[in-house]
Structures are given as C-alpha cells and as structure tokens.
Amino acid sequence: MARTKSGTPVRSDRLLMVLCNGGVVSLKEIEDTMDYHNMYRISCEVYCIKLNGGVVKTYKDGRKVVGYELINTQEMIDKMLTPKGFSVVPIVGRDDINSLNDLDAKAVDAPSKLAQVHAAAAVKSAAKKKVKAPVIEDEVTEVTE
C-alpha cells in the first residue's frame, strides 16, 4: 500500500502506526490518535494488516471488541513502515508507563486502623456463632421375606 495522492498514509498504515506502540490499544485511543470516526470499519483495516503479515490479537468484552494488540511489532515496523518513510505515532492521551516508579505509587507499610477494627469485629462475630451439626440417627431395618 502506498501513500495517497496528498502524501498522507492510507488508513491501514495509520492504524499500523498506532498499533506499533505495543501493548493493547483501545478503540477510543485508536479513534483519538487516528482522527478516524468510522470505527465500525476498523476491522477492515485490521484485516488489511493481517493480509500483509501482521499478527493482531483482538480483545473482546462479550461480542464487542474493546482493543487490539499487534504481536509482531518490530517485524511490521521493518516490513511496512520503514520502507515507506513512516514511523510510530504516539497514542493521544496515553502516558508512557515503563515501570511502577512512573506511577508515583507509595508502598503501604501497615494496614490502616479502620482495617484492623473491621478485622477484629469479623473475628468476634465468627467466634459468637456456634455451628451445630445435624445429628443423623442410624436405623437398621431388617428385611425378611
């Protein structure tokens, strides 16, 4: 597939440039990054990528597709994007998260006082409940003929 007359990439190339970021890309991220509002046709563009050798994994919620992931990313970059002069496009609205340190997460040292109170209350209520097992009486019945 080549460029269009105006020099911009065709839709399947634009989708490939988005999917080459790696990881699962949601349909909302694809729509925002590609500026493509006919999302009902995105499966046709995924099919074009598959015809050119791409391995695309589909993520679904029931019957509805929620995201796509390109499995052979580096191979498709070398085969499809680099010879045409295209490069990977960063996804709009996605922060680059390479490790947990990028999230500014803080470690939790000990459970909170409220969690300790709830745990103690659960232990007390379990101790108050006495479980009484049903008693089964064994009866022996003789059958004579």
Protein backbone atom coordinates (compact mmCIF):
# COMPACT_ATOMS: atom_id res chain seq x y z
CA MET A 1 0.00 0.00 0.00
CA ALA A 2 1.29 3.38 -0.93
CA ARG A 3 0.62 6.89 0.13
CA THR A 4 -2.42 8.68 -1.10
CA LYS A 5 -2.12 11.46 -3.67
CA SER A 6 -1.79 14.08 -0.94
CA GLY A 7 1.20 12.19 0.56
CA THR A 8 -0.56 11.05 3.72
CA PRO A 9 -0.64 7.37 4.72
CA VAL A 10 -3.70 5.27 3.97
CA ARG A 11 -5.97 4.15 6.81
CA SER A 12 -4.38 0.74 7.32
CA ASP A 13 -0.93 2.35 7.53
CA ARG A 14 -2.22 4.89 10.06
CA LEU A 15 -3.69 2.06 12.15
CA LEU A 16 -0.40 0.18 11.91
CA MET A 17 1.49 3.28 13.08
CA VAL A 18 -0.77 3.39 16.16
CA LEU A 19 -0.64 -0.35 16.91
CA CYS A 20 3.17 -0.43 16.67
CA ASN A 21 3.33 1.34 20.05
CA GLY A 22 2.99 -2.11 21.60
CA GLY A 23 0.51 -3.37 24.12
CA VAL A 24 -3.25 -3.30 23.94
CA VAL A 25 -4.69 -0.22 22.26
CA SER A 26 -8.34 0.55 22.98
CA LEU A 27 -10.77 1.66 20.30
CA LYS A 28 -11.07 5.08 21.94
CA GLU A 29 -7.29 5.55 21.75
CA ILE A 30 -7.31 4.48 18.10
CA GLU A 31 -10.12 6.90 17.29
CA ASP A 32 -8.41 9.82 19.05
CA THR A 33 -4.97 9.17 17.59
CA MET A 34 -6.00 8.40 14.01
CA ASP A 35 -8.72 11.08 13.88
CA TYR A 36 -10.89 8.40 12.28
CA HIS A 37 -14.55 8.39 13.25
CA ASN A 38 -15.82 5.37 11.29
CA MET A 39 -14.84 2.87 13.97
CA TYR A 40 -17.33 0.30 12.68
CA ARG A 41 -14.93 -0.16 9.72
CA ILE A 42 -11.77 -0.61 11.78
CA SER A 43 -11.96 -4.39 11.40
CA CYS A 44 -11.38 -3.95 7.63
CA GLU A 45 -8.16 -2.08 8.36
CA VAL A 46 -7.08 -4.79 10.81
CA TYR A 47 -7.76 -7.36 8.08
CA CYS A 48 -5.50 -5.41 5.67
CA ILE A 49 -2.73 -5.54 8.28
CA LYS A 50 -3.25 -9.29 8.66
CA LEU A 51 -3.03 -9.76 4.89
CA ASN A 52 0.38 -8.04 4.93
CA GLY A 53 1.74 -10.39 7.59
CA GLY A 54 0.68 -8.74 10.83
CA VAL A 55 -0.47 -10.81 13.80
CA VAL A 56 -3.23 -8.86 15.51
CA LYS A 57 -4.85 -10.08 18.71
CA THR A 58 -8.39 -8.91 19.40
CA TYR A 59 -9.66 -8.22 22.92
CA LYS A 60 -13.41 -8.55 23.43
CA ASP A 61 -15.96 -7.89 26.13
CA GLY A 62 -18.59 -10.41 25.18
CA ARG A 63 -19.24 -9.79 21.48
CA LYS A 64 -17.93 -6.23 21.48
CA VAL A 65 -14.31 -5.54 20.54
CA VAL A 66 -12.60 -3.29 23.09
CA GLY A 67 -9.00 -3.28 21.86
CA TYR A 68 -6.32 -4.60 19.53
CA GLU A 69 -2.72 -5.67 20.09
CA LEU A 70 -0.08 -6.12 17.39
CA ILE A 71 2.02 -9.15 18.33
CA ASN A 72 4.89 -8.92 15.80
CA THR A 73 5.53 -5.21 16.25
CA GLN A 74 9.19 -4.95 15.25
CA GLU A 75 8.72 -7.14 12.19
CA MET A 76 5.88 -4.94 10.91
CA ILE A 77 7.86 -1.76 11.55
CA ASP A 78 10.75 -3.11 9.48
CA LYS A 79 8.50 -4.53 6.76
CA MET A 80 5.76 -1.92 6.34
CA LEU A 81 6.58 1.41 7.95
CA THR A 82 10.31 2.00 7.47
CA PRO A 83 10.40 1.38 3.69
CA LYS A 84 7.53 3.84 3.21
CA GLY A 85 9.12 6.50 5.37
CA PHE A 86 6.58 6.31 8.21
CA SER A 87 7.26 5.98 11.91
CA VAL A 88 5.33 5.02 15.03
CA VAL A 89 2.82 7.63 16.21
CA PRO A 90 2.46 8.18 19.97
CA ILE A 91 -1.01 7.48 21.29
CA VAL A 92 -3.03 10.56 22.24
CA GLY A 93 -3.92 10.66 25.93
CA ARG A 94 -1.63 7.82 26.99
CA ASP A 95 1.23 8.48 29.36
CA ASP A 96 4.36 6.41 28.90
CA ILE A 97 4.48 3.98 31.80
CA ASN A 98 7.57 1.81 31.71
CA SER A 99 7.72 0.83 35.37
CA LEU A 100 5.83 1.22 38.62
CA ASN A 101 8.06 4.16 39.52
CA ASP A 102 6.39 6.15 36.72
CA LEU A 103 3.07 5.91 38.57
CA ASP A 104 4.44 7.64 41.72
CA ALA A 105 2.99 4.82 43.79
CA LYS A 106 3.68 4.71 47.51
CA ALA A 107 4.20 1.50 49.44
CA VAL A 108 1.76 0.75 52.23
CA ASP A 109 3.61 -0.08 55.44
CA ALA A 110 0.81 -1.36 57.65
CA PRO A 111 -2.93 -1.76 57.39
CA SER A 112 -4.94 1.23 58.46
CA LYS A 113 -6.61 1.46 61.87
CA LEU A 114 -10.03 1.07 60.26
CA ALA A 115 -8.97 -2.17 58.56
CA GLN A 116 -7.71 -3.53 61.90
CA VAL A 117 -11.04 -2.67 63.57
CA HIS A 118 -13.01 -4.41 60.81
CA ALA A 119 -10.80 -7.49 61.05
CA ALA A 120 -11.25 -7.67 64.84
CA ALA A 121 -15.02 -7.30 64.50
CA ALA A 122 -15.12 -10.10 61.94
CA VAL A 123 -13.20 -12.42 64.29
CA LYS A 124 -15.53 -11.62 67.20
CA SER A 125 -18.69 -12.25 65.16
CA ALA A 126 -17.30 -15.55 63.88
CA ALA A 127 -16.50 -16.64 67.45
CA LYS A 128 -20.05 -15.85 68.65
CA LYS A 129 -21.69 -18.03 66.03
CA LYS A 130 -21.73 -21.65 67.07
CA VAL A 131 -22.24 -24.09 64.29
CA LYS A 132 -24.41 -27.01 65.24
CA ALA A 133 -24.02 -30.03 63.04
CA PRO A 134 -27.16 -32.02 62.30
CA VAL A 135 -27.36 -35.38 64.05
CA ILE A 136 -28.14 -38.33 61.85
CA GLU A 137 -29.60 -41.35 63.60
CA ASP A 138 -28.68 -44.68 62.14
CA GLU A 139 -31.64 -47.04 61.98
CA VAL A 140 -31.17 -50.60 61.00
CA THR A 141 -34.15 -52.08 59.25
CA GLU A 142 -34.23 -55.78 58.58
CA VAL A 143 -35.96 -57.00 55.51
CA THR A 144 -37.27 -60.54 55.75
CA GLU A 145 -39.08 -62.46 53.15
